[in-house]
Structures are given as C-alpha cells and as structure tokens.
Amino acid sequence: MPHSENSPADARCAGVLLHITSLPGAYGCGDLGPCARQFADRLGASGQRYWQLLPLNPTTAGAGYSPYFSISSQSGNALLLSIEDLVAEGLLQPSEVSPGGHHNAGAADFALAREAKLPLIRIAADRLREAGTGEAFARFVQTNAHWLEDHALFTALQDRHQAPWYEWPEALKQREPTAIAEATQTLAEEIEREKVVQFLFHQQWERLRSHCHEQGVQLFGDIPIYVHYDSADVWANTDIFVLDESLRPTLESGVPPDYFSADGQLWRNPVYNWERLKETGFAWWKGRLSTQFHRFDLLRIDHFRGLIQFWAVPAGSANAIHGEWRDVPFYELFDAVREHLGAMSIVAEDLGTITPDVIEARDHYHIPGMIVLQFAFNDDNHDNPYVPDNHSENAVAYLGTHDNNTARGWLQQELDDRGWERLARHTKSAHSLRELPAEDQVRECIELLLSSRANTAIVCAQDLLALPKTARMNTPGLEAGNWDWQLSPEQFEALPMAWLGERSHAHGRC
C-alpha cells in the first residue's frame, strides 16, 4: 500500500497524546482556540511530529461524555468551539461573554460547558446566518452532504422529542418520506442552525490544523470502529446494521475476556450488516473515512481486529462472554476504500488477543500496529511483542494509551516485584529504579519508550508530568468517571516540552 508523505512508517519521530478537552479551558473543557494553538507551538518547537487526539464527535451525558459513543460519527463536537475565537471573529460581542466559572480542578465539567457555551454558540450561528453565510458555507454543505443533512435533521428531532430515535413516533423512526419531508420543513430553522454550527467547527478546526502544519506538526486522529445505536448514522442507515423489523439490534458489539476485563467488554453498539455494506460498495465507510482524512493527517482505527472478524454478542446479554467471532470482508473493504481515497496513513489498534489473520491483514497493507510497554513486563514470555527487544520498526509505541493507567499509577499500583525486575533490565538508570523518586521513575520509562525500535513513539501528557492514577483518562469496562481528565493552567505551563524535545533528539526522533 502506498504511503502518504506523513506516514509513521517513514522515519523515526515522536509525539504527544492529549485530547482537546484536556487542555485548560474556562468554559468547562478545553477547546480549539488559543490554548490549542499554543500547544501546537510547543510541540513544533520541541521537534514533535504528531499531536494525537481522541475522536472529535459530539458527546452526551447519557453516554458518559465518551467520544467513542457519539450521536454522529462524522460531525464535530460543538463544545470544542472556542468562545474567544468567536469573539475575535465578531460573531459574539465581548459584553455578551462572561468569564467562565470553571477552575480546572483536574476534571472537565461537560455539563457546565453545555450550559455556558451552547447558548453563545447559537447566538454566533444565528448572527452568521443573518449576515449571510457565503460561498464557503455553501461549499461546506455540498461537500459534506453525505452526513450533514441527516445529522442536522437528527439533531433537530432529538431536541424536539427529547428521546432516542427508536422512541420517536413510528413514521419518523421508520423514516417514512412524508414524515421526513414534514419534519424538514417544520424544523428548517433548527436544521440550518446546526449546519452553521458544524461550519463554525470546520472553520476553527481548519485554523488549528493549518497552524499545526506551520509548526511542522501533524494531527493524529482516532476513529471508533462502531457507532452508537442512538445516532444519526444508525437512524439514517438502518439497512447496514443488524437490526430486527422494529429496528432493535439483535447482535451487539464487544470483545471476549482479555487483559482489561474478565467478563469481556460489552459495548452494546449495533454490529454491521457486512453483506449489505458489500452490496453498496462500502459507500458508508468510504464517506466516513473521507471525512476523517479531510480532518487528520494520520488516523488510528480503534479495534482494528473487528475489521477482520467481529465479536457478536446476542442483544441483551449480561456480559460479553457468550459471543462468537464472525468474518468481515476486510480485503474487499480495504481495496474499495483505497481505490476511492488513494493513499491513506493509518495505524491499526491491534492490542489484545490478536490472531494470525489480523497480523496478515495488517501486514498485507503495511499498516503500522501498536506497542504498549505496560504490557511488556507481566511475565517472562520472550515472544511477547511488547518487550523492547521484539519491537518492530513499523509500529507506534506507547507507555500506555488513554485506556491504560498513567505510567506512575502503573508503576505504583499494577507492577509486581517480578515486573519491576523485568523493567529494570531495560532501563539505563545508574541507581535502583525502584528507589528513584516517582518523577524520575516515569522519566526512565519515557527514555525506554523513546529508545524503542518503533519508528513512532507517543507520550501521554499525563506521563510528561508523572501524574498519578487519578489522571487516567479511561478505564475500559467502567461506566462512570471517565474522559474528564483536564490539565490545570499551571500544569499546562509546566509540561516539560523542552526536555521531551531534547530526549527525542537524543533518540533520533526529531
């Protein structure tokens, strides 16, 4: 498979994983504004090639504000819009904006963000509509019509009915043409406003992306393999999901028992009707990936294993233990998408139980996989692919991802005595690793990461500050308390980017 010029397979480099919401922000969470551009400056100055992010899609309280369970897989999260930038653009007046009341006590407050920001964003959107949206908006609507029309109508209907789509009146639930036409006419103002909000997101994102590129920084995105049941994607495309006549899922997504959970993980997304997708030439996947590659320079496919075989669990099961693997027409899918989009820079999230067919599919297209050092020291298995001696060049290496404990939390709470001994064999400290201060222990681990044979090394921002377990972003299988970790302004300023740049250079990654 051909590589674009920014493929992680090309040369040694490094980057930082930090989601937008984890940036400091006075309105409940981080945003796409000045602080994000400042972080891009610091990444560029320290020679970092990648800024890795989590999905940018809208989040909801009902799904725990998880970016992996969104009402729309292709739209942008309005909570990420910068109020400061809207003021700078003249769409809001300084007198209309009061200072945010969020004090960044280590956790984002998404409920506050909704309360503080959404009314202002609606004002800005209406003001732009009144002034005339212009040719740029018209081009945006035309280019993104394959998802924007359904998303805007879905959002307006959700606001009206305050219920998931499968509880709407039957005619709307089944998308009967007369009901859709009537709703489109009745809710025309709300639909147009949502399109403008998405346009504002597009503008702010493009501004940030251009700024990153000026600093030599590439944006590394993340695409969840599945979509949320209560989403515009499922409502508008019921034929490509495994649903019964009443449009309820008969199978749900997940993974069998693994490192993270003895009962497996039951995600409860509807699974794809791959036979129907194949009949359509995989049109939905082409559109979805096209949208993401217009936003990102590099894209991680979450749960890549599910594109070769997926774990199908009977709907309503108590856990994910009693499922079965089912085949996916992966090569036909990937060839169709490649023919449609050309060269794609993709990383396969291939963690967990990986079978030879997954490795064969990944390597067939020369797609880099992932390495997590936290999985390297649990036993004396010399074939463990995460042990430093076994690292592949065509890979992206981490101490841990957003699904892992912080490095400090891992060292303090998860690594046993034998694990410490195994880890110490690979570090360069002149002193006993376990006797060092916690901050120095984490830095030794970052040094080990940067020394990896893998061409790309990504450091989580929490680990740059040696933060404890409380700074963990997500615990798989835990339904509450995830996704809200946030840097304080003081922590943001204290990020040791110069040190990271120096060490990246020392390991040939700048």
Protein backbone atom coordinates (compact mmCIF):
# COMPACT_ATOMS: atom_id res chain seq x y z
CA MET A 1 0.00 0.00 0.00
CA PRO A 2 1.45 3.41 -0.88
CA HIS A 3 2.19 5.81 1.95
CA SER A 4 1.40 9.49 2.07
CA GLU A 5 4.35 11.70 2.97
CA ASN A 6 3.48 11.76 6.68
CA SER A 7 3.17 8.01 7.20
CA PRO A 8 4.50 6.81 10.58
CA ALA A 9 6.32 4.06 8.68
CA ASP A 10 8.67 6.52 7.02
CA ALA A 11 11.09 7.78 9.71
CA ARG A 12 11.74 7.96 13.42
CA CYS A 13 9.62 10.58 15.14
CA ALA A 14 7.69 11.32 18.33
CA GLY A 15 4.54 12.99 19.52
CA VAL A 16 2.16 13.61 22.41
CA LEU A 17 -1.30 12.23 23.17
CA LEU A 18 -3.52 14.96 24.62
CA HIS A 19 -7.21 15.29 23.82
CA ILE A 20 -8.67 18.74 23.13
CA THR A 21 -10.98 18.56 26.16
CA SER A 22 -7.94 18.01 28.41
CA LEU A 23 -6.47 21.41 27.58
CA PRO A 24 -7.15 24.14 30.14
CA GLY A 25 -10.41 25.97 29.50
CA ALA A 26 -12.54 28.44 31.41
CA TYR A 27 -15.83 27.14 29.99
CA GLY A 28 -15.76 23.61 31.34
CA CYS A 29 -13.33 21.93 28.95
CA GLY A 30 -10.53 22.63 26.51
CA ASP A 31 -11.30 23.94 23.02
CA LEU A 32 -9.88 24.65 19.56
CA GLY A 33 -8.77 28.17 20.40
CA PRO A 34 -5.64 29.96 21.63
CA CYS A 35 -4.50 27.30 24.11
CA ALA A 36 -4.63 24.62 21.41
CA ARG A 37 -2.55 26.79 19.08
CA GLN A 38 -0.09 27.44 21.90
CA PHE A 39 0.27 23.71 22.46
CA ALA A 40 0.93 23.23 18.74
CA ASP A 41 3.67 25.87 19.00
CA ARG A 42 5.29 23.98 21.87
CA LEU A 43 5.03 20.66 20.04
CA GLY A 44 6.72 22.16 16.98
CA ALA A 45 9.45 23.89 19.00
CA SER A 46 10.30 20.58 20.70
CA GLY A 47 10.54 18.70 17.39
CA GLN A 48 7.42 16.62 17.91
CA ARG A 49 5.81 15.35 14.71
CA TYR A 50 2.41 14.22 15.98
CA TRP A 51 -0.34 15.56 18.18
CA GLN A 52 -2.59 12.58 18.88
CA LEU A 53 -6.24 13.18 19.77
CA LEU A 54 -9.33 11.17 20.64
CA PRO A 55 -12.43 11.34 18.40
CA LEU A 56 -13.85 14.85 17.90
CA ASN A 57 -17.51 13.82 17.62
CA PRO A 58 -20.33 15.17 19.83
CA THR A 59 -20.62 13.64 23.29
CA THR A 60 -23.64 13.24 25.55
CA ALA A 61 -24.31 12.85 29.26
CA GLY A 62 -26.21 9.62 28.62
CA ALA A 63 -23.05 8.02 27.21
CA GLY A 64 -20.80 9.40 29.94
CA TYR A 65 -19.42 12.03 27.52
CA SER A 66 -17.43 9.29 25.83
CA PRO A 67 -16.06 10.39 22.42
CA TYR A 68 -16.46 6.76 21.34
CA PHE A 69 -20.28 6.82 21.76
CA SER A 70 -21.46 9.77 19.70
CA ILE A 71 -24.75 10.81 18.13
CA SER A 72 -22.86 11.29 14.87
CA SER A 73 -19.65 9.68 13.65
CA GLN A 74 -18.78 12.49 11.23
CA SER A 75 -19.88 15.73 12.88
CA GLY A 76 -17.81 17.89 15.22
CA ASN A 77 -18.39 18.45 18.92
CA ALA A 78 -19.76 21.97 19.41
CA LEU A 79 -18.37 22.02 22.96
CA LEU A 80 -14.88 22.21 21.39
CA LEU A 81 -15.65 25.57 19.76
CA SER A 82 -13.60 28.46 21.15
CA ILE A 83 -15.68 31.30 22.56
CA GLU A 84 -12.60 33.54 22.36
CA ASP A 85 -12.28 32.89 18.64
CA LEU A 86 -15.98 33.58 18.06
CA VAL A 87 -15.47 36.95 19.78
CA ALA A 88 -12.38 37.62 17.66
CA GLU A 89 -14.41 36.86 14.52
CA GLY A 90 -17.08 39.38 15.58
CA LEU A 91 -19.78 36.70 15.94
CA LEU A 92 -20.02 37.43 19.66
CA GLN A 93 -19.57 40.72 21.48
CA PRO A 94 -17.25 40.90 24.49
CA SER A 95 -20.17 42.25 26.54
CA GLU A 96 -22.15 39.06 25.79
CA VAL A 97 -19.45 36.81 27.15
CA SER A 98 -18.86 36.48 30.86
CA PRO A 99 -15.66 34.85 32.16
CA GLY A 100 -16.07 31.13 32.52
CA GLY A 101 -16.54 29.82 36.03
CA HIS A 102 -14.52 26.63 35.59
CA HIS A 103 -11.38 26.44 37.70
CA ASN A 104 -9.76 23.36 36.17
CA ALA A 105 -9.62 21.29 39.35
CA GLY A 106 -8.23 18.33 37.42
CA ALA A 107 -11.50 17.41 35.72
CA ALA A 108 -13.51 18.86 32.86
CA ASP A 109 -17.12 19.79 33.60
CA PHE A 110 -19.08 18.95 30.45
CA ALA A 111 -22.44 19.87 31.97
CA LEU A 112 -21.07 23.35 32.70
CA ALA A 113 -19.64 23.52 29.18
CA ARG A 114 -23.06 22.82 27.70
CA GLU A 115 -24.74 25.39 29.92
CA ALA A 116 -22.12 28.09 29.38
CA LYS A 117 -21.25 27.60 25.72
CA LEU A 118 -24.21 26.30 23.75
CA PRO A 119 -26.39 29.45 24.14
CA LEU A 120 -23.45 31.58 22.97
CA ILE A 121 -22.75 29.25 20.05
CA ARG A 122 -26.41 29.51 18.96
CA ILE A 123 -26.15 33.31 19.06
CA ALA A 124 -22.98 33.19 16.95
CA ALA A 125 -24.56 30.79 14.45
CA ASP A 126 -27.69 32.92 14.09
CA ARG A 127 -25.58 36.04 13.68
CA LEU A 128 -23.62 34.41 10.87
CA ARG A 129 -26.87 33.32 9.19
CA GLU A 130 -28.26 36.85 9.40
CA ALA A 131 -25.07 38.31 7.93
CA GLY A 132 -25.07 35.79 5.09
CA THR A 133 -23.14 32.55 5.16
CA GLY A 134 -21.47 32.98 1.77
CA GLU A 135 -19.79 30.66 -0.71
CA ALA A 136 -17.56 28.93 1.84
CA PHE A 137 -20.60 27.71 3.74
CA ALA A 138 -22.29 26.56 0.54
CA ARG A 139 -19.19 24.56 -0.41
CA PHE A 140 -19.04 23.03 3.07
CA VAL A 141 -22.69 21.94 2.89
CA GLN A 142 -22.26 20.46 -0.59
CA THR A 143 -19.01 18.62 0.26
CA ASN A 144 -20.42 17.14 3.47
CA ALA A 145 -23.99 16.49 2.35
CA HIS A 146 -23.49 12.71 2.70
CA TRP A 147 -23.59 13.10 6.50
CA LEU A 148 -24.55 16.71 7.26
CA GLU A 149 -28.17 16.57 6.06
CA ASP A 150 -29.04 13.53 8.19
CA HIS A 151 -27.07 14.83 11.17
CA ALA A 152 -28.77 18.25 11.16
CA LEU A 153 -32.26 16.77 10.89
CA PHE A 154 -31.45 14.16 13.55
CA THR A 155 -30.19 16.82 15.95
CA ALA A 156 -33.31 18.96 15.45
CA LEU A 157 -35.60 15.97 16.00
CA GLN A 158 -33.72 14.94 19.14
CA ASP A 159 -34.13 18.44 20.56
CA ARG A 160 -37.84 18.33 19.80
CA HIS A 161 -38.61 14.85 21.14
CA GLN A 162 -36.00 14.65 23.94
CA ALA A 163 -35.77 10.91 23.37
CA PRO A 164 -33.61 8.44 21.41
CA TRP A 165 -34.67 7.98 17.79
CA TYR A 166 -36.03 4.48 18.38
CA GLU A 167 -38.62 6.01 20.73
CA TRP A 168 -39.79 8.65 18.24
CA PRO A 169 -43.19 8.40 16.52
CA GLU A 170 -43.21 5.38 14.23
CA ALA A 171 -43.28 7.39 11.00
CA LEU A 172 -40.11 9.28 11.97
CA LYS A 173 -38.47 6.21 13.43
CA GLN A 174 -39.02 4.37 10.13
CA ARG A 175 -38.10 7.48 8.11
CA GLU A 176 -41.30 7.48 6.10
CA PRO A 177 -40.81 10.03 3.28
CA THR A 178 -43.88 12.11 4.14
CA ALA A 179 -42.86 12.39 7.80
CA ILE A 180 -39.27 13.29 6.88
CA ALA A 181 -40.43 15.96 4.42
CA GLU A 182 -42.76 17.47 7.00
CA ALA A 183 -40.09 17.49 9.72
CA THR A 184 -37.55 19.02 7.35
CA GLN A 185 -39.95 21.86 6.60
CA THR A 186 -41.15 22.39 10.18
CA LEU A 187 -37.64 22.34 11.65
CA ALA A 188 -35.95 24.27 8.82
CA GLU A 189 -34.54 26.95 11.13
CA GLU A 190 -33.10 24.47 13.63
CA ILE A 191 -31.63 22.37 10.80
CA GLU A 192 -29.95 25.38 9.22
CA ARG A 193 -28.57 26.50 12.58
CA GLU A 194 -26.95 23.10 13.17
CA LYS A 195 -25.37 23.22 9.72
CA VAL A 196 -23.88 26.61 10.60
CA VAL A 197 -22.60 25.27 13.93
CA GLN A 198 -20.87 22.47 12.05
CA PHE A 199 -19.45 25.02 9.64
CA LEU A 200 -18.05 27.02 12.57
CA PHE A 201 -16.45 23.84 13.90
CA HIS A 202 -14.99 23.17 10.45
CA GLN A 203 -13.54 26.71 10.28
CA GLN A 204 -11.97 26.55 13.74
CA TRP A 205 -10.60 23.08 13.10
CA GLU A 206 -9.06 24.14 9.79
CA ARG A 207 -7.48 27.13 11.50
CA LEU A 208 -5.92 24.86 14.12
CA ARG A 209 -4.81 22.32 11.54
CA SER A 210 -3.16 24.99 9.39
CA HIS A 211 -1.42 26.37 12.48
CA CYS A 212 -0.15 22.90 13.37
CA HIS A 213 1.20 22.38 9.86
CA GLU A 214 3.02 25.71 10.05
CA GLN A 215 4.80 24.34 13.12
CA GLY A 216 5.61 21.05 11.39
CA VAL A 217 3.06 19.18 13.50
CA GLN A 218 0.73 16.54 12.04
CA LEU A 219 -2.68 15.72 13.56
CA PHE A 220 -3.17 12.09 14.56
CA GLY A 221 -6.86 11.21 14.87
CA ASP A 222 -8.87 8.27 16.12
CA ILE A 223 -11.90 6.57 14.57
CA PRO A 224 -14.07 4.22 16.64
CA ILE A 225 -14.87 1.11 14.67
CA TYR A 226 -18.52 1.12 15.78
CA VAL A 227 -21.16 3.82 16.09
CA HIS A 228 -23.64 4.48 18.87
CA TYR A 229 -27.13 2.97 18.48
CA ASP A 230 -28.75 6.32 19.27
CA SER A 231 -27.01 8.10 16.41
CA ALA A 232 -27.78 9.75 13.11
CA ASP A 233 -25.64 7.05 11.49
CA VAL A 234 -27.91 4.18 12.54
CA TRP A 235 -31.20 6.08 12.14
CA ALA A 236 -30.32 7.15 8.59
CA ASN A 237 -28.75 3.83 7.53
CA THR A 238 -30.64 1.05 9.30
CA ASP A 239 -30.03 -1.36 6.43
CA ILE A 240 -26.28 -1.55 7.09
CA PHE A 241 -26.73 -2.66 10.72
CA VAL A 242 -28.03 -5.95 12.13
CA LEU A 243 -31.48 -4.90 13.35
CA ASP A 244 -34.86 -6.62 13.57
CA GLU A 245 -38.11 -5.41 11.98
CA SER A 246 -38.71 -2.98 14.84
CA LEU A 247 -35.17 -1.62 14.26
CA ARG A 248 -33.78 -3.04 17.50
CA PRO A 249 -30.31 -4.67 17.45
CA THR A 250 -30.26 -8.45 17.50
CA LEU A 251 -26.49 -8.53 17.99
CA GLU A 252 -24.25 -6.18 19.95
CA SER A 253 -20.55 -5.37 19.81
CA GLY A 254 -17.81 -6.14 22.28
CA VAL A 255 -14.73 -8.25 22.88
CA PRO A 256 -14.26 -11.51 24.79
CA PRO A 257 -12.44 -11.64 28.16
CA ASP A 258 -8.96 -10.07 27.98
CA TYR A 259 -6.36 -8.11 29.96
CA PHE A 260 -8.85 -5.36 30.77
CA SER A 261 -11.88 -7.41 31.85
CA ALA A 262 -12.55 -10.98 32.98
CA ASP A 263 -16.10 -10.75 31.58
CA GLY A 264 -15.01 -9.21 28.32
CA GLN A 265 -16.23 -5.78 27.25
CA LEU A 266 -19.82 -5.35 26.13
CA TRP A 267 -20.02 -2.09 24.19
CA ARG A 268 -23.66 -2.58 23.08
CA ASN A 269 -23.19 -0.88 19.71
CA PRO A 270 -25.16 -2.48 16.88
CA VAL A 271 -22.90 -4.52 14.59
CA TYR A 272 -22.60 -4.00 10.85
CA ASN A 273 -24.51 -5.91 8.21
CA TRP A 274 -21.38 -6.59 6.17
CA GLU A 275 -23.28 -8.35 3.39
CA ARG A 276 -25.38 -5.24 2.81
CA LEU A 277 -22.33 -2.95 3.06
CA LYS A 278 -20.63 -5.02 0.39
CA GLU A 279 -23.67 -4.67 -1.88
CA THR A 280 -23.39 -0.88 -1.60
CA GLY A 281 -19.69 -0.91 -2.47
CA PHE A 282 -18.97 0.06 1.15
CA ALA A 283 -20.30 3.55 0.41
CA TRP A 284 -20.88 4.45 4.07
CA TRP A 285 -17.33 3.51 5.05
CA LYS A 286 -15.93 5.45 2.11
CA GLY A 287 -17.82 8.56 3.20
CA ARG A 288 -16.88 8.17 6.83
CA LEU A 289 -13.16 7.71 6.16
CA SER A 290 -13.16 10.52 3.61
CA THR A 291 -14.49 12.91 6.26
CA GLN A 292 -11.83 11.86 8.75
CA PHE A 293 -8.96 12.14 6.29
CA HIS A 294 -10.06 15.68 5.50
CA ARG A 295 -9.52 16.41 9.20
CA PHE A 296 -6.48 14.35 10.12
CA ASP A 297 -3.08 13.56 8.67
CA LEU A 298 -2.92 10.15 10.32
CA LEU A 299 -5.78 8.00 11.58
CA ARG A 300 -5.87 5.26 14.21
CA ILE A 301 -8.56 2.66 13.61
CA ASP A 302 -9.82 1.63 17.01
CA HIS A 303 -10.34 -2.13 17.45
CA PHE A 304 -8.78 -2.92 14.07
CA ARG A 305 -9.31 -6.58 14.86
CA GLY A 306 -13.06 -6.04 14.35
CA LEU A 307 -12.50 -5.32 10.65
CA ILE A 308 -11.20 -8.85 10.11
CA GLN A 309 -13.56 -10.67 12.49
CA PHE A 310 -16.01 -9.15 14.97
CA TRP A 311 -17.26 -10.46 18.30
CA ALA A 312 -21.05 -10.78 18.03
CA VAL A 313 -22.95 -10.94 21.33
CA PRO A 314 -26.71 -11.68 21.47
CA ALA A 315 -28.53 -8.43 22.27
CA GLY A 316 -29.43 -8.05 25.93
CA SER A 317 -26.64 -10.29 27.25
CA ALA A 318 -25.38 -9.53 30.74
CA ASN A 319 -21.74 -9.59 29.62
CA ALA A 320 -19.60 -10.32 26.57
CA ILE A 321 -18.54 -13.86 27.46
CA HIS A 322 -21.02 -15.76 25.29
CA GLY A 323 -20.39 -14.29 21.85
CA GLU A 324 -18.87 -15.64 18.66
CA TRP A 325 -16.40 -14.43 16.05
CA ARG A 326 -17.85 -13.63 12.63
CA ASP A 327 -15.97 -12.84 9.44
CA VAL A 328 -15.69 -9.43 7.76
CA PRO A 329 -14.84 -8.98 4.04
CA PHE A 330 -11.78 -6.97 5.05
CA TYR A 331 -9.74 -7.12 1.86
CA GLU A 332 -12.70 -6.15 -0.28
CA LEU A 333 -13.48 -3.29 2.11
CA PHE A 334 -9.94 -2.00 2.22
CA ASP A 335 -9.33 -2.28 -1.50
CA ALA A 336 -12.60 -0.42 -2.19
CA VAL A 337 -11.71 2.36 0.25
CA ARG A 338 -8.15 2.62 -1.05
CA GLU A 339 -9.41 2.88 -4.62
CA HIS A 340 -11.77 5.65 -3.52
CA LEU A 341 -9.37 7.66 -1.34
CA GLY A 342 -5.92 6.77 -2.61
CA ALA A 343 -3.00 6.53 -0.16
CA MET A 344 -4.06 6.55 3.47
CA SER A 345 -1.94 6.98 6.58
CA ILE A 346 -3.48 4.52 9.04
CA VAL A 347 -2.44 2.96 12.34
CA ALA A 348 -4.07 -0.28 13.45
CA GLU A 349 -5.11 -0.52 17.10
CA ASP A 350 -4.19 -4.18 17.30
CA LEU A 351 -3.96 -4.66 21.07
CA GLY A 352 -5.43 -7.57 23.00
CA THR A 353 -5.82 -11.08 21.62
CA ILE A 354 -4.57 -10.89 18.04
CA THR A 355 -4.79 -13.89 15.74
CA PRO A 356 -2.59 -14.59 12.68
CA ASP A 357 -5.31 -13.43 10.25
CA VAL A 358 -5.23 -9.95 11.84
CA ILE A 359 -1.44 -9.73 11.55
CA GLU A 360 -1.62 -10.96 7.96
CA ALA A 361 -4.25 -8.35 7.04
CA ARG A 362 -2.31 -5.56 8.77
CA ASP A 363 0.99 -6.50 7.16
CA HIS A 364 -0.58 -7.02 3.72
CA TYR A 365 -1.15 -3.26 3.56
CA HIS A 366 1.97 -2.42 5.56
CA ILE A 367 -0.15 -0.78 8.25
CA PRO A 368 1.72 0.03 11.48
CA GLY A 369 0.43 -1.66 14.61
CA MET A 370 0.65 -0.51 18.22
CA ILE A 371 3.05 -1.36 21.03
CA VAL A 372 2.21 -0.71 24.71
CA LEU A 373 5.14 -1.05 27.10
CA GLN A 374 2.85 -1.52 30.09
CA PHE A 375 2.07 -4.96 28.62
CA ALA A 376 5.74 -5.95 28.30
CA PHE A 377 6.69 -6.95 31.84
CA ASN A 378 3.87 -9.14 33.13
CA ASP A 379 5.69 -12.43 32.53
CA ASP A 380 8.86 -13.99 31.14
CA ASN A 381 7.41 -14.75 27.71
CA HIS A 382 10.30 -13.93 25.39
CA ASP A 383 7.93 -13.83 22.39
CA ASN A 384 5.85 -11.02 23.91
CA PRO A 385 5.68 -8.43 21.08
CA TYR A 386 5.70 -5.56 23.60
CA VAL A 387 9.10 -6.48 25.11
CA PRO A 388 11.58 -3.86 23.81
CA ASP A 389 13.80 -6.46 22.11
CA ASN A 390 10.83 -7.55 19.96
CA HIS A 391 9.64 -4.14 18.76
CA SER A 392 9.02 -3.67 15.06
CA GLU A 393 10.07 -0.53 13.20
CA ASN A 394 6.69 -0.34 11.50
CA ALA A 395 4.81 0.43 14.71
CA VAL A 396 3.65 3.19 17.04
CA ALA A 397 4.91 2.70 20.60
CA TYR A 398 3.38 3.96 23.85
CA LEU A 399 3.97 3.54 27.56
CA GLY A 400 0.18 3.41 27.75
CA THR A 401 -2.74 4.83 25.80
CA HIS A 402 -5.87 6.64 27.00
CA ASP A 403 -7.20 3.20 28.05
CA ASN A 404 -4.28 2.49 30.39
CA ASN A 405 -3.28 3.71 33.80
CA THR A 406 -0.82 6.58 33.87
CA ALA A 407 2.80 5.42 33.96
CA ARG A 408 3.10 6.46 37.59
CA GLY A 409 -0.14 4.72 38.50
CA TRP A 410 1.00 1.61 36.65
CA LEU A 411 4.32 1.55 38.48
CA GLN A 412 2.75 2.15 41.88
CA GLN A 413 -0.40 0.02 41.64
CA GLU A 414 -0.02 -2.59 38.90
CA LEU A 415 3.60 -3.67 38.55
CA ASP A 416 4.57 -6.52 40.89
CA ASP A 417 8.06 -7.31 42.21
CA ARG A 418 8.97 -9.53 39.25
CA GLY A 419 7.62 -6.89 36.89
CA TRP A 420 9.92 -4.27 38.43
CA GLU A 421 12.86 -6.63 37.93
CA ARG A 422 11.98 -7.20 34.28
CA LEU A 423 11.53 -3.47 33.68
CA ALA A 424 14.83 -2.60 35.39
CA ARG A 425 16.73 -4.85 32.96
CA HIS A 426 15.78 -2.48 30.14
CA THR A 427 16.33 0.91 31.80
CA LYS A 428 19.62 2.79 31.93
CA SER A 429 19.47 4.27 35.43
CA ALA A 430 22.69 4.03 37.42
CA HIS A 431 20.58 3.60 40.55
CA SER A 432 17.95 1.08 41.52
CA LEU A 433 14.90 2.06 39.51
CA ARG A 434 12.53 1.35 42.38
CA GLU A 435 14.45 3.63 44.76
CA LEU A 436 14.21 6.68 42.50
CA PRO A 437 11.61 9.43 43.09
CA ALA A 438 8.36 8.76 41.21
CA GLU A 439 9.07 11.52 38.68
CA ASP A 440 12.46 10.01 37.83
CA GLN A 441 10.96 6.52 37.53
CA VAL A 442 8.50 7.81 34.93
CA ARG A 443 11.24 9.65 33.06
CA GLU A 444 13.25 6.42 32.88
CA CYS A 445 10.18 4.78 31.34
CA ILE A 446 9.83 7.60 28.81
CA GLU A 447 13.51 7.17 27.91
CA LEU A 448 12.84 3.47 27.33
CA LEU A 449 9.89 4.35 25.11
CA LEU A 450 11.89 6.85 23.05
CA SER A 451 14.69 4.30 22.61
CA SER A 452 12.27 1.81 21.05
CA ARG A 453 12.97 0.43 17.60
CA ALA A 454 9.45 1.53 16.63
CA ASN A 455 9.58 4.45 14.23
CA THR A 456 6.92 6.43 16.10
CA ALA A 457 6.78 6.97 19.87
CA ILE A 458 3.83 8.75 21.51
CA VAL A 459 3.96 10.05 25.10
CA CYS A 460 0.79 10.78 27.06
CA ALA A 461 0.75 14.30 28.53
CA GLN A 462 -0.05 12.86 31.97
CA ASP A 463 3.25 10.96 31.90
CA LEU A 464 5.26 14.03 30.98
CA LEU A 465 4.12 15.38 34.36
CA ALA A 466 4.38 11.98 36.11
CA LEU A 467 0.78 12.30 37.26
CA PRO A 468 -0.79 9.55 39.41
CA LYS A 469 -3.69 7.20 38.67
CA THR A 470 -6.23 9.99 39.26
CA ALA A 471 -5.17 11.49 35.90
CA ARG A 472 -6.18 8.36 33.99
CA MET A 473 -8.41 9.18 31.01
CA ASN A 474 -10.41 5.95 30.71
CA THR A 475 -10.83 2.62 32.47
CA PRO A 476 -12.40 0.15 30.00
CA GLY A 477 -15.48 -1.52 31.42
CA LEU A 478 -16.05 1.26 33.97
CA GLU A 479 -19.23 3.13 33.09
CA ALA A 480 -18.62 6.33 35.09
CA GLY A 481 -15.69 8.59 35.91
CA ASN A 482 -14.01 8.52 32.52
CA TRP A 483 -12.97 11.05 29.85
CA ASP A 484 -12.87 14.15 32.06
CA TRP A 485 -9.20 14.49 33.00
CA GLN A 486 -8.02 18.04 32.36
CA LEU A 487 -4.79 19.97 32.77
CA SER A 488 -4.78 22.98 35.04
CA PRO A 489 -3.24 26.15 33.57
CA GLU A 490 -0.25 25.61 35.87
CA GLN A 491 0.22 22.02 34.70
CA PHE A 492 -0.08 23.13 31.09
CA GLU A 493 2.72 25.64 31.58
CA ALA A 494 4.79 23.03 33.44
CA LEU A 495 4.72 20.44 30.62
CA PRO A 496 8.43 19.69 30.08
CA MET A 497 8.37 20.09 26.32
CA ALA A 498 11.99 21.25 26.11
CA TRP A 499 13.09 18.09 27.95
CA LEU A 500 10.94 15.95 25.65
CA GLY A 501 12.49 17.64 22.64
CA GLU A 502 16.00 17.08 23.96
CA ARG A 503 15.37 13.40 24.67
CA SER A 504 13.56 12.89 21.36
CA HIS A 505 16.56 14.34 19.58
CA ALA A 506 18.92 12.13 21.55
CA HIS A 507 16.99 9.09 20.31
CA GLY A 508 16.95 10.26 16.69
CA ARG A 509 13.28 11.28 16.71
CA CYS A 510 13.48 14.96 15.69
